[in-house]
Amino acid sequence: MVGKTILMLSLFFGPLILLNFGLAPKIWMVFLLYIISGFGMAGIGMGIMHDAIHGSYSKNRHINKALGYTFNLIGANATVWKIQHNVLHHTFTNIEEADDDLNMPRFLCFSPHAKKYGIHRYQQWYVWIIYGLSTVFWVTVKDFVRLNRYRKLDLLGPKRKYKYELLKLIGWKSFYFSYAIIIPILILPFSPWIIFLAYLCMHIITGILISSVFQIAHIMPNVAFPLPDKNGMLESDWHKHQLETTTNFAPKSRFFSWMIGGLNYQVEHHLLPHICHIHYRKISMIVAQTAVEYNMPYHSKKTFLSALADHFRMLRSLGSKPATV
């Protein structure tokens, strides 16, 4: 974990430091440095902050809190993510309206229970553009929208907590934008639109990587999208619910698993989010055996590409349903 942390932070900040000091005299160098930084940004999101905010990076909560702020350093917000991911997604996985990962703009349909629009029949094609731009929306608008929404849902606590978190949000994002794009625009001898396009490339790399990895764990043909009954109860208990709504992929690819923070073992992560991802591979053997023993589902795809193909088919299936609006 320490080695991965040093690597991913270096991949992200190293190129940006060179850009901030004007050490990119050619346009192709600017694009290359931003693209490398994009891989580092994705690595921080999947391999460092994800464990840290779950409290599973270290037994020391202060280390977890400190490394959770690496999410703020890449333009997002640890507080908003903790509510969205740890609380809503992990508690209400694949439940319409409750799982915030399913709450998409109207031009996307990620649940069979969501309202259908005519444009959804093409979503399997244009969703990749949305994935590519997802982190741009994240660092500019999404955190503000969700922070306000969580305030209305009373998930932030006292009113003063919202004001405090809003000020922190503005401060962190101002800091991020200053070194990620503003200083390079001021320092480098190129037109601002060139710097902006290179910066956009960084986010496209990050957005596609992160969105693909997270979405193929749950938006798949073989998983369940349960709805609570009139009393708000689910038919399955929480552990079975996680097995029914989650899919692993590429379990034998150890290097790939290391690079994406063990997120190919989503079943194990959802059942045991407090355990560091470096242990998931060995734990998965126990979980799979136990699932068979108790006649419970254990979804897993052999490769990342086969999982992506199934995700594509699932998006096509969801979009081909008759429009309800």
Protein backbone atom coordinates (compact mmCIF):
# COMPACT_ATOMS: atom_id res chain seq x y z
CA MET A 1 0.00 0.00 0.00
CA VAL A 2 2.84 2.38 0.81
CA GLY A 3 4.54 1.66 -2.50
CA LYS A 4 1.29 2.11 -4.41
CA THR A 5 0.60 5.37 -2.59
CA ILE A 6 4.00 6.79 -3.50
CA LEU A 7 3.61 5.65 -7.13
CA MET A 8 0.11 7.06 -7.67
CA LEU A 9 0.82 10.35 -5.93
CA SER A 10 3.99 10.70 -8.01
CA LEU A 11 2.13 9.92 -11.25
CA PHE A 12 -0.41 12.62 -10.45
CA PHE A 13 1.71 15.37 -8.92
CA GLY A 14 4.99 14.80 -10.80
CA PRO A 15 3.67 15.92 -14.22
CA LEU A 16 1.70 18.79 -12.66
CA ILE A 17 4.82 20.08 -10.89
CA LEU A 18 6.65 20.14 -14.23
CA LEU A 19 3.72 21.99 -15.80
CA ASN A 20 3.54 24.49 -12.94
CA PHE A 21 7.22 25.31 -13.36
CA GLY A 22 6.84 25.69 -17.12
CA LEU A 23 9.04 22.67 -17.88
CA ALA A 24 7.04 21.61 -20.94
CA PRO A 25 8.35 23.60 -23.93
CA LYS A 26 6.44 21.54 -26.51
CA ILE A 27 2.68 21.12 -26.92
CA TRP A 28 2.99 17.33 -27.10
CA MET A 29 4.79 17.41 -23.75
CA VAL A 30 1.88 19.29 -22.19
CA PHE A 31 -0.59 16.67 -23.41
CA LEU A 32 1.66 13.79 -22.37
CA LEU A 33 2.15 15.16 -18.85
CA TYR A 34 -1.58 15.72 -18.34
CA ILE A 35 -2.36 12.21 -19.62
CA ILE A 36 0.17 10.66 -17.22
CA SER A 37 -1.39 12.72 -14.45
CA GLY A 38 -4.77 11.29 -15.44
CA PHE A 39 -3.56 7.76 -14.74
CA GLY A 40 -2.23 8.97 -11.38
CA MET A 41 -5.55 10.61 -10.56
CA ALA A 42 -7.41 7.37 -11.29
CA GLY A 43 -4.87 5.46 -9.19
CA ILE A 44 -5.38 7.80 -6.23
CA GLY A 45 -9.15 7.42 -6.52
CA MET A 46 -9.17 3.64 -6.76
CA GLY A 47 -6.09 2.62 -4.80
CA ILE A 48 -5.61 5.18 -2.01
CA MET A 49 -8.58 7.32 -1.07
CA HIS A 50 -11.10 4.49 -1.53
CA ASP A 51 -9.52 2.39 1.21
CA ALA A 52 -8.70 5.43 3.35
CA ILE A 53 -12.27 6.77 3.44
CA HIS A 54 -13.56 3.28 4.19
CA GLY A 55 -11.13 3.22 7.12
CA SER A 56 -9.35 0.16 5.71
CA TYR A 57 -6.05 1.64 4.51
CA SER A 58 -4.56 1.57 8.02
CA LYS A 59 -5.50 0.60 11.57
CA ASN A 60 -4.64 4.19 12.48
CA ARG A 61 -7.70 6.38 11.91
CA HIS A 62 -5.54 9.51 11.63
CA ILE A 63 -3.68 7.97 8.68
CA ASN A 64 -6.99 7.03 7.07
CA LYS A 65 -8.32 10.57 7.53
CA ALA A 66 -5.15 12.15 6.14
CA LEU A 67 -5.03 9.91 3.07
CA GLY A 68 -8.77 10.41 2.55
CA TYR A 69 -7.92 14.02 1.75
CA THR A 70 -6.02 12.83 -1.33
CA PHE A 71 -9.50 12.77 -2.85
CA ASN A 72 -9.76 16.50 -2.22
CA LEU A 73 -6.34 16.97 -3.82
CA ILE A 74 -7.64 15.54 -7.10
CA GLY A 75 -10.59 17.94 -7.10
CA ALA A 76 -13.35 15.89 -5.45
CA ASN A 77 -14.55 15.86 -1.82
CA ALA A 78 -14.07 13.20 0.85
CA THR A 79 -17.15 14.20 2.90
CA VAL A 80 -19.54 14.00 -0.04
CA TRP A 81 -18.01 10.72 -1.22
CA LYS A 82 -18.31 9.15 2.21
CA ILE A 83 -22.05 9.79 2.28
CA GLN A 84 -22.63 8.88 -1.36
CA HIS A 85 -20.49 5.75 -1.37
CA ASN A 86 -20.02 4.42 2.15
CA VAL A 87 -23.50 5.23 3.43
CA LEU A 88 -25.92 5.20 0.49
CA HIS A 89 -24.27 2.91 -2.06
CA HIS A 90 -22.97 0.26 0.33
CA THR A 91 -26.16 0.17 2.40
CA PHE A 92 -28.70 0.30 -0.44
CA THR A 93 -26.81 -1.30 -3.33
CA ASN A 94 -28.82 -1.25 -6.59
CA ILE A 95 -31.99 -0.02 -4.88
CA GLU A 96 -33.69 2.61 -7.00
CA GLU A 97 -33.60 6.13 -5.50
CA ALA A 98 -31.74 4.96 -2.37
CA ASP A 99 -28.44 4.02 -4.03
CA ASP A 100 -27.00 7.34 -5.19
CA ASP A 101 -24.88 5.57 -7.83
CA LEU A 102 -28.12 4.86 -9.72
CA ASN A 103 -29.32 8.47 -9.59
CA MET A 104 -28.21 9.54 -13.04
CA PRO A 105 -29.19 12.41 -15.36
CA ARG A 106 -32.33 11.80 -17.40
CA PHE A 107 -30.37 10.76 -20.48
CA LEU A 108 -29.04 7.67 -18.64
CA CYS A 109 -30.97 4.71 -17.28
CA PHE A 110 -29.09 2.44 -14.87
CA SER A 111 -32.04 0.64 -13.31
CA PRO A 112 -34.98 -1.36 -14.71
CA HIS A 113 -37.21 0.58 -12.29
CA ALA A 114 -36.16 4.04 -13.50
CA LYS A 115 -38.29 6.15 -15.84
CA LYS A 116 -37.60 5.37 -19.48
CA TYR A 117 -37.00 7.98 -22.18
CA GLY A 118 -36.61 7.48 -25.90
CA ILE A 119 -32.98 8.57 -25.87
CA HIS A 120 -32.07 5.63 -23.63
CA ARG A 121 -32.11 3.27 -26.63
CA TYR A 122 -28.75 4.79 -27.64
CA GLN A 123 -27.17 5.02 -24.19
CA GLN A 124 -24.84 2.05 -24.69
CA TRP A 125 -23.06 4.17 -27.30
CA TYR A 126 -22.97 7.65 -25.79
CA VAL A 127 -22.43 6.55 -22.18
CA TRP A 128 -18.67 6.35 -22.83
CA ILE A 129 -18.61 10.07 -23.57
CA ILE A 130 -20.44 10.66 -20.28
CA TYR A 131 -17.94 8.42 -18.48
CA GLY A 132 -15.07 10.38 -20.00
CA LEU A 133 -16.51 13.70 -18.84
CA SER A 134 -17.80 12.41 -15.49
CA THR A 135 -14.91 13.66 -13.37
CA VAL A 136 -15.08 17.11 -15.01
CA PHE A 137 -18.67 17.34 -13.83
CA TRP A 138 -17.56 15.89 -10.48
CA VAL A 139 -14.95 18.56 -9.72
CA THR A 140 -17.08 21.45 -10.95
CA VAL A 141 -20.75 20.82 -10.13
CA LYS A 142 -21.53 17.39 -8.72
CA ASP A 143 -20.07 17.85 -5.22
CA PHE A 144 -21.98 21.10 -4.70
CA VAL A 145 -25.25 19.54 -5.88
CA ARG A 146 -24.87 16.48 -3.69
CA LEU A 147 -23.71 18.40 -0.63
CA ASN A 148 -26.88 20.50 -0.86
CA ARG A 149 -28.97 17.37 -1.43
CA TYR A 150 -27.49 15.62 1.59
CA ARG A 151 -28.22 18.72 3.66
CA LYS A 152 -31.89 18.47 2.68
CA LEU A 153 -31.88 14.74 3.53
CA ASP A 154 -30.40 15.61 6.95
CA LEU A 155 -27.32 13.46 6.30
CA LEU A 156 -24.85 16.19 7.28
CA GLY A 157 -26.04 16.91 10.82
CA PRO A 158 -26.44 20.46 12.20
CA LYS A 159 -26.96 23.38 9.78
CA ARG A 160 -23.59 24.85 10.71
CA LYS A 161 -21.98 21.63 9.48
CA TYR A 162 -23.27 22.36 5.97
CA LYS A 163 -21.78 25.86 5.97
CA TYR A 164 -18.48 24.50 7.27
CA GLU A 165 -18.36 21.76 4.64
CA LEU A 166 -19.35 24.21 1.90
CA LEU A 167 -16.46 26.52 2.82
CA LYS A 168 -14.08 23.55 2.86
CA LEU A 169 -15.42 22.45 -0.50
CA ILE A 170 -14.77 25.86 -2.05
CA GLY A 171 -11.31 26.09 -0.47
CA TRP A 172 -10.13 22.65 -1.60
CA LYS A 173 -11.45 23.12 -5.14
CA SER A 174 -9.83 26.55 -5.41
CA PHE A 175 -6.54 24.97 -4.38
CA TYR A 176 -6.97 22.12 -6.89
CA PHE A 177 -7.87 24.33 -9.85
CA SER A 178 -4.98 26.66 -9.11
CA TYR A 179 -2.28 24.01 -9.67
CA ALA A 180 -4.23 21.77 -12.06
CA ILE A 181 -4.96 24.38 -14.73
CA ILE A 182 -4.74 28.07 -13.69
CA ILE A 183 -0.98 28.25 -13.00
CA PRO A 184 -0.10 26.19 -16.12
CA ILE A 185 -2.20 28.61 -18.20
CA LEU A 186 -0.31 31.55 -16.69
CA ILE A 187 3.15 29.96 -16.91
CA LEU A 188 3.23 27.98 -20.16
CA PRO A 189 3.77 29.84 -23.47
CA PHE A 190 0.69 28.38 -25.16
CA SER A 191 -2.88 29.50 -25.75
CA PRO A 192 -5.22 28.78 -22.82
CA TRP A 193 -7.40 26.54 -25.01
CA ILE A 194 -4.44 24.21 -25.61
CA ILE A 195 -3.85 23.88 -21.87
CA PHE A 196 -7.56 23.34 -21.32
CA LEU A 197 -7.70 20.58 -23.95
CA ALA A 198 -4.72 18.84 -22.36
CA TYR A 199 -6.37 19.20 -18.93
CA LEU A 200 -9.55 17.72 -20.42
CA CYS A 201 -7.53 14.72 -21.66
CA MET A 202 -6.41 14.12 -18.08
CA HIS A 203 -10.03 13.96 -16.95
CA ILE A 204 -11.14 11.80 -19.86
CA ILE A 205 -8.51 9.19 -18.92
CA THR A 206 -9.58 9.32 -15.26
CA GLY A 207 -13.30 9.35 -15.99
CA ILE A 208 -13.29 6.36 -18.32
CA LEU A 209 -11.08 4.29 -16.00
CA ILE A 210 -12.98 5.03 -12.79
CA SER A 211 -16.48 4.89 -14.29
CA SER A 212 -15.81 1.62 -16.13
CA VAL A 213 -14.38 -0.11 -13.07
CA PHE A 214 -17.12 1.00 -10.68
CA GLN A 215 -20.11 0.60 -13.01
CA ILE A 216 -19.37 -2.92 -14.28
CA ALA A 217 -19.57 -4.14 -10.69
CA HIS A 218 -23.31 -3.46 -10.46
CA ILE A 219 -24.89 -2.54 -13.82
CA MET A 220 -24.76 -6.05 -15.21
CA PRO A 221 -27.28 -8.55 -16.67
CA ASN A 222 -26.86 -11.11 -13.89
CA VAL A 223 -27.31 -8.85 -10.85
CA ALA A 224 -30.50 -7.97 -9.00
CA PHE A 225 -32.22 -4.59 -8.67
CA PRO A 226 -34.48 -5.31 -5.69
CA LEU A 227 -37.22 -3.05 -4.43
CA PRO A 228 -38.36 -2.84 -0.79
CA ASP A 229 -41.90 -3.90 0.10
CA LYS A 230 -44.56 -1.49 1.37
CA ASN A 231 -42.94 -1.59 4.81
CA GLY A 232 -39.55 -0.63 3.40
CA MET A 233 -38.11 -4.12 3.94
CA LEU A 234 -36.09 -6.26 1.54
CA GLU A 235 -36.66 -9.96 0.96
CA SER A 236 -32.96 -10.77 1.41
CA ASP A 237 -30.76 -10.01 4.39
CA TRP A 238 -27.97 -7.48 3.88
CA HIS A 239 -25.20 -10.02 3.13
CA LYS A 240 -27.25 -11.94 0.58
CA HIS A 241 -28.33 -8.63 -0.91
CA GLN A 242 -24.67 -7.71 -1.55
CA LEU A 243 -24.06 -11.05 -3.24
CA GLU A 244 -27.13 -10.63 -5.45
CA THR A 245 -26.28 -7.10 -6.59
CA THR A 246 -22.50 -7.25 -7.10
CA THR A 247 -20.12 -8.79 -9.63
CA ASN A 248 -16.39 -9.52 -9.59
CA PHE A 249 -14.26 -9.46 -12.73
CA ALA A 250 -10.77 -10.52 -13.81
CA PRO A 251 -10.05 -12.34 -10.52
CA LYS A 252 -6.87 -13.99 -11.84
CA SER A 253 -5.21 -10.81 -13.06
CA ARG A 254 -3.06 -9.86 -10.08
CA PHE A 255 -1.32 -6.88 -11.69
CA PHE A 256 -4.62 -5.44 -12.94
CA SER A 257 -6.12 -5.94 -9.47
CA TRP A 258 -3.17 -4.14 -7.87
CA MET A 259 -3.48 -1.22 -10.28
CA ILE A 260 -7.21 -0.66 -9.70
CA GLY A 261 -7.14 -1.02 -5.94
CA GLY A 262 -8.65 -4.51 -5.77
CA LEU A 263 -11.95 -3.20 -7.14
CA ASN A 264 -12.27 -6.25 -9.37
CA TYR A 265 -13.14 -8.07 -6.11
CA GLN A 266 -16.30 -6.02 -5.56
CA VAL A 267 -18.15 -8.87 -3.82
CA GLU A 268 -15.51 -9.09 -1.12
CA HIS A 269 -15.30 -5.33 -0.85
CA HIS A 270 -19.06 -4.99 -0.33
CA LEU A 271 -19.15 -7.74 2.26
CA LEU A 272 -15.99 -6.60 4.07
CA PRO A 273 -15.42 -2.89 3.29
CA HIS A 274 -13.37 -2.44 6.47
CA ILE A 275 -10.61 -4.77 5.18
CA CYS A 276 -7.78 -3.43 2.99
CA HIS A 277 -8.07 -4.44 -0.65
CA ILE A 278 -4.67 -6.17 -0.74
CA HIS A 279 -6.32 -9.11 1.09
CA TYR A 280 -9.31 -9.53 -1.25
CA ARG A 281 -7.74 -12.12 -3.54
CA LYS A 282 -7.20 -14.62 -0.73
CA ILE A 283 -10.49 -13.75 0.96
CA SER A 284 -12.36 -14.32 -2.32
CA MET A 285 -11.61 -18.05 -2.19
CA ILE A 286 -13.31 -18.30 1.20
CA VAL A 287 -16.27 -16.14 0.16
CA ALA A 288 -16.87 -18.10 -3.06
CA GLN A 289 -16.75 -21.42 -1.20
CA THR A 290 -19.11 -20.13 1.50
CA ALA A 291 -21.57 -18.82 -1.11
CA VAL A 292 -21.73 -22.27 -2.72
CA GLU A 293 -22.12 -23.93 0.68
CA TYR A 294 -25.15 -21.79 1.54
CA ASN A 295 -26.61 -21.80 -1.99
CA MET A 296 -26.09 -18.09 -2.52
CA PRO A 297 -25.06 -16.35 -5.76
CA TYR A 298 -21.44 -15.43 -6.42
CA HIS A 299 -21.12 -13.45 -9.64
CA SER A 300 -17.77 -13.22 -11.38
CA LYS A 301 -16.56 -12.50 -14.91
CA LYS A 302 -13.29 -14.02 -16.12
CA THR A 303 -11.90 -10.88 -17.74
CA PHE A 304 -12.32 -7.13 -17.61
CA LEU A 305 -13.22 -7.05 -21.31
CA SER A 306 -15.96 -9.66 -20.92
CA ALA A 307 -17.36 -7.63 -18.02
CA LEU A 308 -17.32 -4.48 -20.16
CA ALA A 309 -19.14 -6.36 -22.92
CA ASP A 310 -21.83 -7.48 -20.45
CA HIS A 311 -22.10 -3.91 -19.13
CA PHE A 312 -22.66 -2.72 -22.73
CA ARG A 313 -25.37 -5.35 -23.23
CA MET A 314 -27.03 -4.39 -19.95
CA LEU A 315 -27.14 -0.72 -20.92
CA ARG A 316 -28.64 -1.71 -24.28
CA SER A 317 -31.22 -3.89 -22.54
CA LEU A 318 -32.20 -1.14 -20.12
CA GLY A 319 -32.49 1.36 -22.96
CA SER A 320 -34.54 -0.93 -25.20
CA LYS A 321 -37.42 -1.16 -22.74
CA PRO A 322 -40.54 0.82 -23.77
CA ALA A 323 -40.34 4.48 -22.81
CA THR A 324 -42.49 5.43 -19.82
CA VAL A 325 -42.17 9.18 -20.41
